[in-house]
Each structure stands twice: as structure tokens, then as C-alpha cells.
Amino acid sequence: MASEPLGSHVRTGFSCGQGELDRYFREIVSQDIRRRVSNCFLAIDDAGFIAGYYTLAAITLPVTELPAEKPKKLPRYPLLPAVLIACLAVDERFEDKGSAPALLSMAWHVRCGLSRQFSH
């Protein structure tokens, strides 16, 4: 399974069974990318089907909302940068094939700038 950014992929056949996530993927995600709200990455199987998707968005966390022991180990900023996995969905055809853990692994590796090729 490979991970790649959303491009001109055909999204009409994707269905995770959650109407809100399906609608977001088919109708809204491209707008969020253009507005630089988030980025969307796909898990593509060997046959070229979209097995799942996830979106990453930049956020900030107030230091005051972290557990008391954590800020002692961090820089003294009022807000800390973070990456949010905003959406994560697996097509129903791939649910029983371990695709959700693979998507999480891909999200982590893309966030860290590591390889986008994964074995599954």
C-alpha cells in the first residue's frame, strides 16, 4: 500500500459508512486544501483503489492545557505547535484488512517527513 497526496483521484466510489466523512472527502476536502486549512493523503492499494484517507492540520496547544509535568520539559512558549489528524477513514472494502493502523502509521511517517511507501 502506498501513501500519496490527494490529487485528481476519483473519489466517488469511496465509502467508509460514515456519511459525514464520505461527504467531506467527496465534496469539501479540496476546498480545505486550497484554503491551506489541511492536507489530505490517501492510502492506495496495489490495484490503484483508495483504501482510505487522512487529513493533517496544523494546530497550537496552550501550555496550560498540558499535564503539569509536561511543560517543565518543553520550551517556555504560551502555545506549542502540533499536528492534528483531523479526519481518518477507511473504505468499507478494506476494513478487515488492517488499513486503519496502516493509515495511522502513514500519517505519522508523512508528518515526520519519512518514506511514503509502506508494506501492508
N, C-alpha and C. Protein backbone atom coordinates (compact mmCIF):
# COMPACT_ATOMS: atom_id res chain seq x y z
N MET A 1 0.86 -1.17 0.00
CA MET A 1 0.00 0.00 0.00
C MET A 1 0.90 1.23 0.00
N ALA A 2 0.52 2.23 -0.78
CA ALA A 2 1.30 3.46 -0.87
C ALA A 2 0.47 4.63 -0.36
N SER A 3 1.17 5.65 0.09
CA SER A 3 0.53 6.89 0.53
C SER A 3 0.91 7.99 -0.44
N GLU A 4 -0.08 8.79 -0.83
CA GLU A 4 0.20 9.91 -1.71
C GLU A 4 -0.78 11.03 -1.43
N PRO A 5 -0.39 12.26 -1.73
CA PRO A 5 -1.30 13.39 -1.53
C PRO A 5 -2.51 13.28 -2.46
N LEU A 6 -3.61 13.81 -2.01
CA LEU A 6 -4.81 13.86 -2.84
C LEU A 6 -4.52 14.70 -4.06
N GLY A 7 -4.86 14.17 -5.22
CA GLY A 7 -4.69 14.88 -6.48
C GLY A 7 -5.98 14.80 -7.26
N SER A 8 -5.89 14.35 -8.49
CA SER A 8 -7.07 14.24 -9.33
C SER A 8 -7.69 12.86 -9.23
N HIS A 9 -7.63 12.26 -8.07
CA HIS A 9 -8.16 10.92 -7.85
C HIS A 9 -9.69 10.93 -7.94
N VAL A 10 -10.23 9.84 -8.44
CA VAL A 10 -11.69 9.67 -8.48
C VAL A 10 -12.14 9.24 -7.09
N ARG A 11 -12.98 10.05 -6.46
CA ARG A 11 -13.39 9.80 -5.08
C ARG A 11 -14.81 9.30 -4.94
N THR A 12 -15.56 9.23 -6.04
CA THR A 12 -16.98 8.90 -5.96
C THR A 12 -17.26 7.51 -5.41
N GLY A 13 -16.38 6.55 -5.60
CA GLY A 13 -16.61 5.19 -5.12
C GLY A 13 -16.22 4.96 -3.69
N PHE A 14 -15.61 5.95 -3.04
CA PHE A 14 -15.15 5.77 -1.67
C PHE A 14 -16.34 5.81 -0.71
N SER A 15 -16.38 4.85 0.22
CA SER A 15 -17.41 4.84 1.25
C SER A 15 -16.87 4.16 2.51
N CYS A 16 -16.83 4.94 3.59
CA CYS A 16 -16.40 4.37 4.87
C CYS A 16 -17.60 4.00 5.74
N GLY A 17 -18.81 4.33 5.27
CA GLY A 17 -20.01 4.03 6.04
C GLY A 17 -20.41 5.14 6.99
N GLN A 18 -19.61 6.19 7.07
CA GLN A 18 -19.93 7.36 7.90
C GLN A 18 -20.23 8.51 6.94
N GLY A 19 -21.48 8.85 6.81
CA GLY A 19 -21.91 9.86 5.83
C GLY A 19 -21.14 11.16 5.89
N GLU A 20 -20.86 11.63 7.08
CA GLU A 20 -20.15 12.90 7.24
C GLU A 20 -18.72 12.83 6.69
N LEU A 21 -18.01 11.73 6.97
CA LEU A 21 -16.65 11.57 6.46
C LEU A 21 -16.64 11.34 4.95
N ASP A 22 -17.62 10.58 4.44
CA ASP A 22 -17.72 10.36 3.00
C ASP A 22 -18.00 11.68 2.28
N ARG A 23 -18.95 12.45 2.78
CA ARG A 23 -19.29 13.74 2.18
C ARG A 23 -18.10 14.69 2.22
N TYR A 24 -17.41 14.75 3.35
CA TYR A 24 -16.23 15.61 3.46
C TYR A 24 -15.21 15.25 2.38
N PHE A 25 -14.94 13.96 2.23
CA PHE A 25 -13.93 13.50 1.27
C PHE A 25 -14.34 13.80 -0.16
N ARG A 26 -15.61 13.60 -0.48
CA ARG A 26 -16.07 13.80 -1.86
C ARG A 26 -16.26 15.27 -2.22
N GLU A 27 -16.71 16.09 -1.25
CA GLU A 27 -17.17 17.44 -1.60
C GLU A 27 -16.38 18.60 -0.98
N ILE A 28 -15.70 18.39 0.13
CA ILE A 28 -15.16 19.53 0.87
C ILE A 28 -13.63 19.55 0.97
N VAL A 29 -13.00 18.39 1.01
CA VAL A 29 -11.57 18.33 1.30
C VAL A 29 -10.74 19.18 0.33
N SER A 30 -11.11 19.23 -0.94
CA SER A 30 -10.34 20.03 -1.90
C SER A 30 -10.36 21.51 -1.54
N GLN A 31 -11.50 21.99 -1.03
CA GLN A 31 -11.59 23.39 -0.60
C GLN A 31 -10.65 23.65 0.58
N ASP A 32 -10.61 22.72 1.53
CA ASP A 32 -9.72 22.88 2.68
C ASP A 32 -8.26 22.90 2.25
N ILE A 33 -7.91 22.10 1.26
CA ILE A 33 -6.54 22.10 0.76
C ILE A 33 -6.22 23.43 0.09
N ARG A 34 -7.11 23.91 -0.77
CA ARG A 34 -6.89 25.20 -1.44
C ARG A 34 -6.76 26.34 -0.44
N ARG A 35 -7.54 26.29 0.63
CA ARG A 35 -7.51 27.35 1.66
C ARG A 35 -6.39 27.15 2.66
N ARG A 36 -5.62 26.06 2.49
CA ARG A 36 -4.50 25.72 3.36
C ARG A 36 -4.93 25.48 4.82
N VAL A 37 -6.12 24.91 4.96
CA VAL A 37 -6.64 24.53 6.27
C VAL A 37 -6.07 23.18 6.68
N SER A 38 -5.93 22.29 5.69
CA SER A 38 -5.40 20.95 5.96
C SER A 38 -4.83 20.37 4.66
N ASN A 39 -4.16 19.25 4.80
CA ASN A 39 -3.70 18.46 3.66
C ASN A 39 -4.32 17.09 3.77
N CYS A 40 -4.55 16.46 2.62
CA CYS A 40 -5.18 15.15 2.60
C CYS A 40 -4.24 14.17 1.92
N PHE A 41 -4.09 13.00 2.54
CA PHE A 41 -3.25 11.93 2.00
C PHE A 41 -4.08 10.67 1.86
N LEU A 42 -3.78 9.90 0.82
CA LEU A 42 -4.53 8.69 0.52
C LEU A 42 -3.68 7.46 0.71
N ALA A 43 -4.34 6.38 1.09
CA ALA A 43 -3.72 5.05 1.07
C ALA A 43 -4.26 4.39 -0.20
N ILE A 44 -3.35 4.05 -1.09
CA ILE A 44 -3.73 3.47 -2.37
C ILE A 44 -3.26 2.02 -2.40
N ASP A 45 -4.17 1.10 -2.73
CA ASP A 45 -3.76 -0.31 -2.79
C ASP A 45 -3.04 -0.59 -4.10
N ASP A 46 -2.56 -1.81 -4.26
CA ASP A 46 -1.78 -2.17 -5.44
C ASP A 46 -2.57 -2.06 -6.75
N ALA A 47 -3.89 -2.15 -6.67
CA ALA A 47 -4.73 -2.04 -7.87
C ALA A 47 -5.12 -0.59 -8.17
N GLY A 48 -4.70 0.35 -7.31
CA GLY A 48 -4.99 1.76 -7.53
C GLY A 48 -6.25 2.26 -6.86
N PHE A 49 -6.89 1.42 -6.02
CA PHE A 49 -8.10 1.85 -5.32
C PHE A 49 -7.74 2.64 -4.06
N ILE A 50 -8.59 3.60 -3.71
CA ILE A 50 -8.40 4.37 -2.49
C ILE A 50 -8.88 3.52 -1.32
N ALA A 51 -7.95 3.07 -0.49
CA ALA A 51 -8.29 2.25 0.67
C ALA A 51 -8.70 3.11 1.85
N GLY A 52 -8.21 4.33 1.90
CA GLY A 52 -8.53 5.23 2.99
C GLY A 52 -7.89 6.58 2.78
N TYR A 53 -8.23 7.49 3.69
CA TYR A 53 -7.62 8.82 3.64
C TYR A 53 -7.46 9.35 5.05
N TYR A 54 -6.58 10.32 5.17
CA TYR A 54 -6.45 11.06 6.42
C TYR A 54 -6.08 12.49 6.09
N THR A 55 -6.44 13.40 6.98
CA THR A 55 -6.07 14.79 6.80
C THR A 55 -5.21 15.22 7.98
N LEU A 56 -4.26 16.08 7.68
CA LEU A 56 -3.39 16.66 8.70
C LEU A 56 -3.60 18.16 8.72
N ALA A 57 -3.68 18.72 9.91
CA ALA A 57 -3.84 20.16 10.07
C ALA A 57 -2.89 20.65 11.17
N ALA A 58 -2.38 21.84 10.98
CA ALA A 58 -1.51 22.45 11.99
C ALA A 58 -2.39 23.09 13.07
N ILE A 59 -2.03 22.88 14.32
CA ILE A 59 -2.75 23.49 15.43
C ILE A 59 -1.74 23.98 16.46
N THR A 60 -2.21 24.71 17.44
CA THR A 60 -1.38 25.08 18.58
C THR A 60 -2.09 24.62 19.85
N LEU A 61 -1.29 24.23 20.83
CA LEU A 61 -1.82 23.79 22.12
C LEU A 61 -1.37 24.76 23.19
N PRO A 62 -2.31 25.29 23.96
CA PRO A 62 -1.91 26.13 25.09
C PRO A 62 -1.16 25.28 26.12
N VAL A 63 -0.03 25.77 26.58
CA VAL A 63 0.78 25.04 27.56
C VAL A 63 -0.04 24.75 28.81
N THR A 64 -0.95 25.62 29.16
CA THR A 64 -1.77 25.46 30.37
C THR A 64 -2.70 24.25 30.30
N GLU A 65 -2.94 23.72 29.10
CA GLU A 65 -3.82 22.55 28.95
C GLU A 65 -3.08 21.22 29.00
N LEU A 66 -1.76 21.26 29.12
CA LEU A 66 -0.97 20.04 29.20
C LEU A 66 -0.91 19.55 30.64
N PRO A 67 -0.66 18.25 30.84
CA PRO A 67 -0.47 17.74 32.20
C PRO A 67 0.67 18.52 32.88
N ALA A 68 0.58 18.70 34.18
CA ALA A 68 1.50 19.55 34.93
C ALA A 68 2.97 19.21 34.72
N GLU A 69 3.31 17.93 34.56
CA GLU A 69 4.73 17.55 34.43
C GLU A 69 5.29 17.82 33.04
N LYS A 70 4.47 17.96 32.03
CA LYS A 70 4.94 18.12 30.65
C LYS A 70 5.60 19.48 30.37
N PRO A 71 5.00 20.61 30.78
CA PRO A 71 5.62 21.89 30.43
C PRO A 71 7.04 22.07 30.96
N LYS A 72 7.42 21.38 32.00
CA LYS A 72 8.76 21.51 32.55
C LYS A 72 9.82 21.06 31.55
N LYS A 73 9.45 20.15 30.65
CA LYS A 73 10.39 19.59 29.69
C LYS A 73 10.34 20.30 28.34
N LEU A 74 9.47 21.29 28.20
CA LEU A 74 9.26 21.96 26.91
C LEU A 74 9.75 23.40 26.95
N PRO A 75 9.95 24.00 25.77
CA PRO A 75 10.32 25.43 25.73
C PRO A 75 9.24 26.26 26.41
N ARG A 76 9.59 27.39 26.89
CA ARG A 76 8.66 28.26 27.64
C ARG A 76 7.86 29.16 26.69
N TYR A 77 7.04 28.55 25.88
CA TYR A 77 6.15 29.27 24.98
C TYR A 77 4.73 29.13 25.50
N PRO A 78 3.89 30.14 25.32
CA PRO A 78 2.49 30.00 25.75
C PRO A 78 1.71 29.02 24.88
N LEU A 79 2.09 28.90 23.61
CA LEU A 79 1.44 27.98 22.68
C LEU A 79 2.50 27.10 22.05
N LEU A 80 2.19 25.82 21.90
CA LEU A 80 3.11 24.88 21.27
C LEU A 80 2.52 24.39 19.95
N PRO A 81 3.34 24.28 18.90
CA PRO A 81 2.84 23.78 17.63
C PRO A 81 2.59 22.27 17.71
N ALA A 82 1.60 21.83 16.95
CA ALA A 82 1.27 20.40 16.91
C ALA A 82 0.63 20.09 15.56
N VAL A 83 0.56 18.81 15.26
CA VAL A 83 -0.12 18.34 14.05
C VAL A 83 -1.33 17.51 14.50
N LEU A 84 -2.46 17.80 13.90
CA LEU A 84 -3.71 17.12 14.23
C LEU A 84 -4.11 16.21 13.08
N ILE A 85 -4.36 14.93 13.37
CA ILE A 85 -5.00 14.07 12.38
C ILE A 85 -6.49 14.40 12.49
N ALA A 86 -6.95 15.24 11.55
CA ALA A 86 -8.30 15.77 11.65
C ALA A 86 -9.36 14.76 11.22
N CYS A 87 -9.11 14.04 10.15
CA CYS A 87 -10.03 13.01 9.67
C CYS A 87 -9.23 11.77 9.32
N LEU A 88 -9.82 10.63 9.54
CA LEU A 88 -9.21 9.36 9.16
C LEU A 88 -10.35 8.42 8.85
N ALA A 89 -10.36 7.89 7.63
CA ALA A 89 -11.45 6.99 7.23
C ALA A 89 -10.91 5.88 6.34
N VAL A 90 -11.47 4.70 6.50
CA VAL A 90 -11.09 3.52 5.71
C VAL A 90 -12.31 3.08 4.91
N ASP A 91 -12.11 2.85 3.62
CA ASP A 91 -13.19 2.36 2.77
C ASP A 91 -13.69 1.03 3.33
N GLU A 92 -14.99 0.83 3.28
CA GLU A 92 -15.59 -0.39 3.83
C GLU A 92 -15.00 -1.66 3.22
N ARG A 93 -14.57 -1.60 1.98
CA ARG A 93 -13.99 -2.79 1.32
C ARG A 93 -12.65 -3.19 1.94
N PHE A 94 -12.04 -2.28 2.70
CA PHE A 94 -10.71 -2.54 3.26
C PHE A 94 -10.72 -2.62 4.78
N GLU A 95 -11.89 -2.57 5.41
CA GLU A 95 -11.99 -2.53 6.86
C GLU A 95 -11.31 -3.69 7.56
N ASP A 96 -11.47 -4.89 7.06
CA ASP A 96 -10.93 -6.07 7.73
C ASP A 96 -9.51 -6.42 7.29
N LYS A 97 -8.86 -5.50 6.62
CA LYS A 97 -7.53 -5.78 6.09
C LYS A 97 -6.44 -4.99 6.83
N GLY A 98 -6.75 -4.46 8.01
CA GLY A 98 -5.74 -3.75 8.79
C GLY A 98 -5.39 -2.37 8.26
N SER A 99 -6.29 -1.77 7.48
CA SER A 99 -5.98 -0.49 6.85
C SER A 99 -5.94 0.68 7.84
N ALA A 100 -6.74 0.66 8.90
CA ALA A 100 -6.73 1.79 9.84
C ALA A 100 -5.37 1.94 10.52
N PRO A 101 -4.77 0.87 11.07
CA PRO A 101 -3.43 1.03 11.64
C PRO A 101 -2.40 1.46 10.59
N ALA A 102 -2.55 0.97 9.37
CA ALA A 102 -1.63 1.37 8.30
C ALA A 102 -1.76 2.86 8.02
N LEU A 103 -3.00 3.39 8.02
CA LEU A 103 -3.21 4.82 7.80
C LEU A 103 -2.57 5.65 8.91
N LEU A 104 -2.72 5.21 10.16
CA LEU A 104 -2.10 5.94 11.26
C LEU A 104 -0.58 5.95 11.13
N SER A 105 -0.03 4.83 10.74
CA SER A 105 1.41 4.75 10.53
C SER A 105 1.84 5.68 9.41
N MET A 106 1.08 5.72 8.33
CA MET A 106 1.39 6.61 7.22
C MET A 106 1.34 8.07 7.66
N ALA A 107 0.30 8.42 8.42
CA ALA A 107 0.16 9.80 8.89
C ALA A 107 1.38 10.20 9.71
N TRP A 108 1.82 9.33 10.58
CA TRP A 108 2.98 9.62 11.41
C TRP A 108 4.23 9.80 10.55
N HIS A 109 4.44 8.91 9.60
CA HIS A 109 5.63 8.98 8.76
C HIS A 109 5.62 10.20 7.85
N VAL A 110 4.45 10.55 7.30
CA VAL A 110 4.37 11.74 6.45
C VAL A 110 4.63 12.97 7.29
N ARG A 111 4.08 13.03 8.48
CA ARG A 111 4.28 14.16 9.38
C ARG A 111 5.76 14.31 9.71
N CYS A 112 6.46 13.22 9.84
CA CYS A 112 7.88 13.25 10.16
C CYS A 112 8.77 13.37 8.93
N GLY A 113 8.15 13.41 7.74
CA GLY A 113 8.92 13.55 6.52
C GLY A 113 9.63 12.28 6.08
N LEU A 114 9.15 11.14 6.53
CA LEU A 114 9.78 9.86 6.18
C LEU A 114 9.14 9.29 4.92
N SER A 115 9.54 8.13 4.56
CA SER A 115 9.10 7.47 3.33
C SER A 115 7.58 7.36 3.26
N ARG A 116 7.05 7.45 2.05
CA ARG A 116 5.62 7.31 1.85
C ARG A 116 5.25 5.95 1.28
N GLN A 117 6.18 5.03 1.24
CA GLN A 117 5.90 3.67 0.77
C GLN A 117 5.81 2.76 1.98
N PHE A 118 4.78 1.96 2.04
CA PHE A 118 4.55 1.12 3.19
C PHE A 118 4.19 -0.28 2.76
N SER A 119 4.61 -1.24 3.55
CA SER A 119 4.19 -2.62 3.33
C SER A 119 2.93 -2.86 4.12
N HIS A 120 2.08 -3.66 3.62
CA HIS A 120 0.85 -3.98 4.34
C HIS A 120 0.55 -5.46 4.19
